[in-house]
C-alpha atoms as a PDB file:
ATOM      1  CA  UNK A   1     -21.979 -27.168  18.424  1.00  0.00           C
ATOM      2  CA  UNK A   2     -23.571 -26.830  21.995  1.00  0.00           C
ATOM      3  CA  UNK A   3     -23.032 -23.061  21.942  1.00  0.00           C
ATOM      4  CA  UNK A   4     -24.488 -23.067  18.295  1.00  0.00           C
ATOM      5  CA  UNK A   5     -27.570 -25.013  19.268  1.00  0.00           C
ATOM      6  CA  UNK A   6     -28.277 -22.707  22.034  1.00  0.00           C
ATOM      7  CA  UNK A   7     -28.178 -19.999  20.086  1.00  0.00           C
ATOM      8  CA  UNK A   8     -30.483 -21.100  17.401  1.00  0.00           C
ATOM      9  CA  UNK A   9     -32.929 -22.027  20.173  1.00  0.00           C
ATOM     10  CA  UNK A  10     -32.791 -18.467  21.519  1.00  0.00           C
ATOM     11  CA  UNK A  11     -33.397 -17.128  17.975  1.00  0.00           C
ATOM     12  CA  UNK A  12     -36.095 -19.354  17.191  1.00  0.00           C
ATOM     13  CA  UNK A  13     -38.013 -18.998  20.760  1.00  0.00           C
ATOM     14  CA  UNK A  14     -39.278 -15.369  21.087  1.00  0.00           C
ATOM     15  CA  UNK A  15     -40.408 -16.056  24.939  1.00  0.00           C
ATOM     16  CA  UNK A  16     -36.864 -17.754  25.582  1.00  0.00           C
ATOM     17  CA  UNK A  17     -35.228 -14.694  23.942  1.00  0.00           C
ATOM     18  CA  UNK A  18     -37.184 -12.163  25.779  1.00  0.00           C
ATOM     19  CA  UNK A  19     -36.442 -13.784  29.123  1.00  0.00           C
ATOM     20  CA  UNK A  20     -32.812 -13.516  28.286  1.00  0.00           C
ATOM     21  CA  UNK A  21     -33.021  -9.952  27.337  1.00  0.00           C
ATOM     22  CA  UNK A  22     -34.772  -9.290  30.929  1.00  0.00           C
ATOM     23  CA  UNK A  23     -32.084 -11.367  32.822  1.00  0.00           C
ATOM     24  CA  UNK A  24     -29.305  -9.494  31.250  1.00  0.00           C
ATOM     25  CA  UNK A  25     -30.749  -6.033  31.521  1.00  0.00           C
ATOM     26  CA  UNK A  26     -31.639  -6.753  35.370  1.00  0.00           C
ATOM     27  CA  UNK A  27     -27.998  -7.516  36.093  1.00  0.00           C
ATOM     28  CA  UNK A  28     -26.958  -4.239  34.257  1.00  0.00           C
ATOM     29  CA  UNK A  29     -29.584  -2.558  36.111  1.00  0.00           C
ATOM     30  CA  UNK A  30     -28.390  -3.653  39.593  1.00  0.00           C
ATOM     31  CA  UNK A  31     -24.682  -3.168  38.396  1.00  0.00           C
ATOM     32  CA  UNK A  32     -26.020   0.673  38.169  1.00  0.00           C
ATOM     33  CA  UNK A  33     -28.217   1.006  41.125  1.00  0.00           C
ATOM     34  CA  UNK A  34     -26.798  -0.638  43.901  1.00  0.00           C
ATOM     35  CA  UNK A  35     -23.395   1.732  44.205  1.00  0.00           C
ATOM     36  CA  UNK A  36     -25.963   4.313  44.394  1.00  0.00           C
ATOM     37  CA  UNK A  37     -27.899   2.961  47.389  1.00  0.00           C
ATOM     38  CA  UNK A  38     -24.731   2.208  49.548  1.00  0.00           C
ATOM     39  CA  UNK A  39     -22.410   5.056  48.456  1.00  0.00           C
ATOM     40  CA  UNK A  40     -22.560   7.631  51.108  1.00  0.00           C
ATOM     41  CA  UNK A  41     -21.392  10.662  49.065  1.00  0.00           C
ATOM     42  CA  UNK A  42     -24.490  10.615  46.732  1.00  0.00           C
ATOM     43  CA  UNK A  43     -26.819  11.130  50.372  1.00  0.00           C
ATOM     44  CA  UNK A  44     -24.330  13.485  52.159  1.00  0.00           C
ATOM     45  CA  UNK A  45     -24.873  17.184  51.270  1.00  0.00           C
ATOM     46  CA  UNK A  46     -21.255  18.694  51.202  1.00  0.00           C
ATOM     47  CA  UNK A  47     -20.248  22.433  52.228  1.00  0.00           C
ATOM     48  CA  UNK A  48     -23.082  24.711  52.451  1.00  0.00           C
ATOM     49  CA  UNK A  49     -25.695  22.768  50.411  1.00  0.00           C
ATOM     50  CA  UNK A  50     -29.097  23.123  51.571  1.00  0.00           C
ATOM     51  CA  UNK A  51     -32.671  21.985  50.694  1.00  0.00           C
ATOM     52  CA  UNK A  52     -34.360  24.597  48.428  1.00  0.00           C
ATOM     53  CA  UNK A  53     -36.676  27.119  49.961  1.00  0.00           C
ATOM     54  CA  UNK A  54     -40.443  27.662  48.908  1.00  0.00           C
ATOM     55  CA  UNK A  55     -39.710  30.303  46.090  1.00  0.00           C
ATOM     56  CA  UNK A  56     -36.612  28.334  44.952  1.00  0.00           C
ATOM     57  CA  UNK A  57     -38.504  24.924  44.764  1.00  0.00           C
ATOM     58  CA  UNK A  58     -40.827  26.861  42.537  1.00  0.00           C
ATOM     59  CA  UNK A  59     -38.593  28.353  40.208  1.00  0.00           C
ATOM     60  CA  UNK A  60     -37.077  24.604  39.777  1.00  0.00           C
ATOM     61  CA  UNK A  61     -40.373  23.389  38.840  1.00  0.00           C
ATOM     62  CA  UNK A  62     -40.703  26.293  36.652  1.00  0.00           C
ATOM     63  CA  UNK A  63     -37.098  25.596  35.161  1.00  0.00           C
ATOM     64  CA  UNK A  64     -38.220  22.246  34.333  1.00  0.00           C
ATOM     65  CA  UNK A  65     -41.740  23.351  32.648  1.00  0.00           C
ATOM     66  CA  UNK A  66     -40.089  25.643  30.396  1.00  0.00           C
ATOM     67  CA  UNK A  67     -37.576  22.903  29.387  1.00  0.00           C
ATOM     68  CA  UNK A  68     -34.318  24.950  30.238  1.00  0.00           C
ATOM     69  CA  UNK A  69     -32.431  21.540  30.990  1.00  0.00           C
ATOM     70  CA  UNK A  70     -32.964  20.919  26.913  1.00  0.00           C
ATOM     71  CA  UNK A  71     -30.405  23.504  26.368  1.00  0.00           C
ATOM     72  CA  UNK A  72     -28.478  24.076  29.502  1.00  0.00           C
ATOM     73  CA  UNK A  73     -27.030  21.423  31.462  1.00  0.00           C
ATOM     74  CA  UNK A  74     -25.826  21.657  35.508  1.00  0.00           C
ATOM     75  CA  UNK A  75     -23.015  19.489  35.505  1.00  0.00           C
ATOM     76  CA  UNK A  76     -19.407  20.594  35.011  1.00  0.00           C
ATOM     77  CA  UNK A  77     -17.084  17.675  34.483  1.00  0.00           C
ATOM     78  CA  UNK A  78     -13.359  17.696  35.908  1.00  0.00           C
ATOM     79  CA  UNK A  79     -11.781  18.704  32.601  1.00  0.00           C
ATOM     80  CA  UNK A  80      -9.456  21.922  32.294  1.00  0.00           C
ATOM     81  CA  UNK A  81     -11.676  23.802  29.575  1.00  0.00           C
ATOM     82  CA  UNK A  82     -14.653  23.110  31.787  1.00  0.00           C
ATOM     83  CA  UNK A  83     -13.650  24.322  34.963  1.00  0.00           C
ATOM     84  CA  UNK A  84     -11.738  27.199  33.288  1.00  0.00           C
ATOM     85  CA  UNK A  85     -14.782  28.301  31.717  1.00  0.00           C
ATOM     86  CA  UNK A  86     -17.597  27.256  34.401  1.00  0.00           C
ATOM     87  CA  UNK A  87     -15.888  27.311  37.709  1.00  0.00           C
ATOM     88  CA  UNK A  88     -15.200  24.052  40.148  1.00  0.00           C
ATOM     89  CA  UNK A  89     -16.607  20.866  38.834  1.00  0.00           C
ATOM     90  CA  UNK A  90     -19.417  19.490  40.360  1.00  0.00           C
ATOM     91  CA  UNK A  91     -19.661  16.954  43.404  1.00  0.00           C
ATOM     92  CA  UNK A  92     -22.482  14.436  43.909  1.00  0.00           C
ATOM     93  CA  UNK A  93     -23.040  15.799  47.391  1.00  0.00           C
ATOM     94  CA  UNK A  94     -24.490  19.144  45.751  1.00  0.00           C
ATOM     95  CA  UNK A  95     -27.180  17.350  44.308  1.00  0.00           C
ATOM     96  CA  UNK A  96     -28.596  15.393  47.078  1.00  0.00           C
ATOM     97  CA  UNK A  97     -32.001  17.487  47.463  1.00  0.00           C
ATOM     98  CA  UNK A  98     -32.307  17.466  43.615  1.00  0.00           C
ATOM     99  CA  UNK A  99     -35.375  15.238  42.685  1.00  0.00           C
ATOM    100  CA  UNK A 100     -34.983  14.641  39.751  1.00  0.00           C
ATOM    101  CA  UNK A 101     -31.442  15.898  38.743  1.00  0.00           C
ATOM    102  CA  UNK A 102     -31.294  18.227  36.177  1.00  0.00           C
ATOM    103  CA  UNK A 103     -27.743  17.520  34.936  1.00  0.00           C
ATOM    104  CA  UNK A 104     -28.992  17.769  31.411  1.00  0.00           C
ATOM    105  CA  UNK A 105     -26.827  16.426  28.292  1.00  0.00           C
ATOM    106  CA  UNK A 106     -26.611  19.251  25.961  1.00  0.00           C
ATOM    107  CA  UNK A 107     -25.153  22.693  25.967  1.00  0.00           C
ATOM    108  CA  UNK A 108     -26.948  24.684  23.617  1.00  0.00           C
ATOM    109  CA  UNK A 109     -26.312  27.445  26.363  1.00  0.00           C
ATOM    110  CA  UNK A 110     -23.814  27.443  28.831  1.00  0.00           C
ATOM    111  CA  UNK A 111     -23.851  25.216  31.594  1.00  0.00           C
ATOM    112  CA  UNK A 112     -25.744  26.588  34.713  1.00  0.00           C
ATOM    113  CA  UNK A 113     -24.341  24.731  37.736  1.00  0.00           C
ATOM    114  CA  UNK A 114     -22.109  27.937  39.001  1.00  0.00           C
ATOM    115  CA  UNK A 115     -24.349  30.880  37.545  1.00  0.00           C
ATOM    116  CA  UNK A 116     -25.667  31.593  41.289  1.00  0.00           C
ATOM    117  CA  UNK A 117     -24.327  34.916  42.173  1.00  0.00           C
ATOM    118  CA  UNK A 118     -22.578  35.678  38.963  1.00  0.00           C
ATOM    119  CA  UNK A 119     -25.121  38.063  37.737  1.00  0.00           C
ATOM    120  CA  UNK A 120     -27.669  40.313  39.808  1.00  0.00           C
ATOM    121  CA  UNK A 121     -31.194  39.850  39.984  1.00  0.00           C
ATOM    122  CA  UNK A 122     -32.193  42.547  37.871  1.00  0.00           C
ATOM    123  CA  UNK A 123     -29.941  41.293  35.074  1.00  0.00           C
ATOM    124  CA  UNK A 124     -30.981  37.645  35.067  1.00  0.00           C
ATOM    125  CA  UNK A 125     -34.692  38.989  35.095  1.00  0.00           C
ATOM    126  CA  UNK A 126     -34.168  41.272  31.946  1.00  0.00           C
ATOM    127  CA  UNK A 127     -32.254  38.075  30.444  1.00  0.00           C
ATOM    128  CA  UNK A 128     -35.003  35.888  30.925  1.00  0.00           C
ATOM    129  CA  UNK A 129     -37.666  38.120  29.583  1.00  0.00           C
ATOM    130  CA  UNK A 130     -35.805  39.577  26.560  1.00  0.00           C
ATOM    131  CA  UNK A 131     -32.250  37.797  26.405  1.00  0.00           C
ATOM    132  CA  UNK A 132     -31.027  40.053  23.584  1.00  0.00           C
ATOM    133  CA  UNK A 133     -31.403  43.233  25.553  1.00  0.00           C
ATOM    134  CA  UNK A 134     -28.211  42.061  27.662  1.00  0.00           C
ATOM    135  CA  UNK A 135     -26.565  39.437  25.338  1.00  0.00           C
ATOM    136  CA  UNK A 136     -26.911  41.052  21.359  1.00  0.00           C
ATOM    137  CA  UNK A 137     -26.294  37.703  19.854  1.00  0.00           C
ATOM    138  CA  UNK A 138     -28.087  35.282  21.955  1.00  0.00           C
ATOM    139  CA  UNK A 139     -30.252  32.437  20.651  1.00  0.00           C
ATOM    140  CA  UNK A 140     -32.148  31.867  23.595  1.00  0.00           C
ATOM    141  CA  UNK A 141     -36.019  32.588  23.583  1.00  0.00           C
ATOM    142  CA  UNK A 142     -37.406  35.095  25.805  1.00  0.00           C
ATOM    143  CA  UNK A 143     -40.095  34.328  28.370  1.00  0.00           C
ATOM    144  CA  UNK A 144     -42.221  37.459  29.038  1.00  0.00           C
ATOM    145  CA  UNK A 145     -44.993  35.418  30.487  1.00  0.00           C
ATOM    146  CA  UNK A 146     -42.910  34.762  33.737  1.00  0.00           C
ATOM    147  CA  UNK A 147     -43.375  38.389  34.660  1.00  0.00           C
ATOM    148  CA  UNK A 148     -47.136  38.340  34.766  1.00  0.00           C
ATOM    149  CA  UNK A 149     -47.874  34.864  36.356  1.00  0.00           C
ATOM    150  CA  UNK A 150     -47.741  34.692  40.163  1.00  0.00           C
ATOM    151  CA  UNK A 151     -45.545  32.503  41.710  1.00  0.00           C
ATOM    152  CA  UNK A 152     -48.300  30.871  43.470  1.00  0.00           C
ATOM    153  CA  UNK A 153     -50.000  29.611  40.618  1.00  0.00           C
ATOM    154  CA  UNK A 154     -47.256  27.020  39.883  1.00  0.00           C
ATOM    155  CA  UNK A 155     -48.161  23.984  41.488  1.00  0.00           C
ATOM    156  CA  UNK A 156     -49.456  23.294  44.891  1.00  0.00           C
ATOM    157  CA  UNK A 157     -46.029  24.296  46.999  1.00  0.00           C
ATOM    158  CA  UNK A 158     -47.352  22.797  50.564  1.00  0.00           C
ATOM    159  CA  UNK A 159     -48.132  19.230  48.616  1.00  0.00           C
ATOM    160  CA  UNK A 160     -44.657  19.412  47.068  1.00  0.00           C
ATOM    161  CA  UNK A 161     -42.836  19.957  50.418  1.00  0.00           C
ATOM    162  CA  UNK A 162     -44.796  17.281  52.333  1.00  0.00           C
ATOM    163  CA  UNK A 163     -43.702  15.056  49.432  1.00  0.00           C
ATOM    164  CA  UNK A 164     -40.088  15.910  49.771  1.00  0.00           C
ATOM    165  CA  UNK A 165     -40.243  15.533  53.581  1.00  0.00           C
ATOM    166  CA  UNK A 166     -41.581  11.927  53.360  1.00  0.00           C
ATOM    167  CA  UNK A 167     -38.653  11.263  51.021  1.00  0.00           C
ATOM    168  CA  UNK A 168     -36.430  12.613  53.722  1.00  0.00           C
ATOM    169  CA  UNK A 169     -35.420  16.299  52.847  1.00  0.00           C
ATOM    170  CA  UNK A 170     -35.444  18.222  56.041  1.00  0.00           C
ATOM    171  CA  UNK A 171     -38.304  20.253  55.583  1.00  0.00           C
ATOM    172  CA  UNK A 172     -40.356  20.997  58.973  1.00  0.00           C
ATOM    173  CA  UNK A 173     -44.090  21.247  59.616  1.00  0.00           C
ATOM    174  CA  UNK A 174     -43.425  24.889  60.006  1.00  0.00           C
ATOM    175  CA  UNK A 175     -41.570  25.236  56.620  1.00  0.00           C
ATOM    176  CA  UNK A 176     -44.924  23.634  54.952  1.00  0.00           C
ATOM    177  CA  UNK A 177     -47.234  25.840  56.699  1.00  0.00           C
ATOM    178  CA  UNK A 178     -45.580  29.024  55.823  1.00  0.00           C
ATOM    179  CA  UNK A 179     -44.698  28.306  52.320  1.00  0.00           C
ATOM    180  CA  UNK A 180     -47.533  29.973  50.595  1.00  0.00           C
ATOM    181  CA  UNK A 181     -46.524  33.345  52.484  1.00  0.00           C
ATOM    182  CA  UNK A 182     -43.083  33.025  50.784  1.00  0.00           C
ATOM    183  CA  UNK A 183     -44.734  33.322  47.516  1.00  0.00           C
ATOM    184  CA  UNK A 184     -46.958  36.323  48.167  1.00  0.00           C
ATOM    185  CA  UNK A 185     -46.855  39.393  45.733  1.00  0.00           C
ATOM    186  CA  UNK A 186     -44.063  37.549  43.512  1.00  0.00           C
ATOM    187  CA  UNK A 187     -43.980  36.484  39.967  1.00  0.00           C
ATOM    188  CA  UNK A 188     -42.977  33.380  38.314  1.00  0.00           C
ATOM    189  CA  UNK A 189     -39.761  35.197  37.211  1.00  0.00           C
ATOM    190  CA  UNK A 190     -38.713  35.972  40.823  1.00  0.00           C
ATOM    191  CA  UNK A 191     -38.888  32.443  41.643  1.00  0.00           C
ATOM    192  CA  UNK A 192     -36.762  31.224  38.637  1.00  0.00           C
ATOM    193  CA  UNK A 193     -34.152  33.956  39.410  1.00  0.00           C
ATOM    194  CA  UNK A 194     -34.176  32.627  43.108  1.00  0.00           C
ATOM    195  CA  UNK A 195     -33.580  29.157  41.882  1.00  0.00           C
ATOM    196  CA  UNK A 196     -30.797  30.279  39.509  1.00  0.00           C
ATOM    197  CA  UNK A 197     -28.987  32.365  42.279  1.00  0.00           C
ATOM    198  CA  UNK A 198     -28.472  29.450  44.615  1.00  0.00           C
ATOM    199  CA  UNK A 199     -27.143  27.141  41.744  1.00  0.00           C
ATOM    200  CA  UNK A 200     -23.835  25.792  42.582  1.00  0.00           C
ATOM    201  CA  UNK A 201     -23.521  28.157  45.981  1.00  0.00           C
ATOM    202  CA  UNK A 202     -23.202  25.157  48.176  1.00  0.00           C
ATOM    203  CA  UNK A 203     -19.907  24.305  47.434  1.00  0.00           C
ATOM    204  CA  UNK A 204     -16.871  26.101  49.432  1.00  0.00           C
ATOM    205  CA  UNK A 205     -13.983  26.990  47.469  1.00  0.00           C
ATOM    206  CA  UNK A 206     -11.794  25.840  50.416  1.00  0.00           C
ATOM    207  CA  UNK A 207     -13.247  22.431  49.979  1.00  0.00           C
ATOM    208  CA  UNK A 208     -11.376  22.198  46.271  1.00  0.00           C
ATOM    209  CA  UNK A 209      -8.788  19.347  46.512  1.00  0.00           C
ATOM    210  CA  UNK A 210      -5.162  20.031  45.301  1.00  0.00           C
ATOM    211  CA  UNK A 211      -5.581  17.671  42.471  1.00  0.00           C
ATOM    212  CA  UNK A 212      -7.263  17.303  38.894  1.00  0.00           C
ATOM    213  CA  UNK A 213      -8.235  19.937  36.773  1.00  0.00           C
ATOM    214  CA  UNK A 214      -9.220  22.872  39.027  1.00  0.00           C
ATOM    215  CA  UNK A 215      -5.479  23.780  39.042  1.00  0.00           C
END
């Protein structure tokens, strides 16, 4: 009866009910957050994983701005069908410089985590501006404005780099100082292609283990 009595009190007391929800939610949140703060694999880059260059970082911001993560994921799961189609499954150490991560949750289009180097820069540019000119049945929208907007007009690259430096990314003061020059004469489409071309390239195939779905 005591259990039923407590349950009735919770139902009849909105303040107590809210307090109980907050306590349970806090416990659930801590269970998820604490391991991510202590797990070394989430903080240590693997293979050839490096921080984004100025042009790639601008491209990543454009990727976010245009909502690319709504239709494309960047997380290959260790399932046979996925690694056969997209390549080696994603490792935590490949995302240490992604702030925020862009794993996505929906695949209207293919996963892009191993897209880097799969197609030429020219192909990528044409595809972004007019997808159906290279993929006849593509349902992807075109982004022609990327070809006429200067890359330097997207945000403040030096401010972005300073913020990431404070968060621990290994950018030097020289990197920040030279960043605007890296964007001169380039369009947003160049920046987005630079970002796409490095996706998944930090992974070294020699690091693939001998277990799981990769074989």
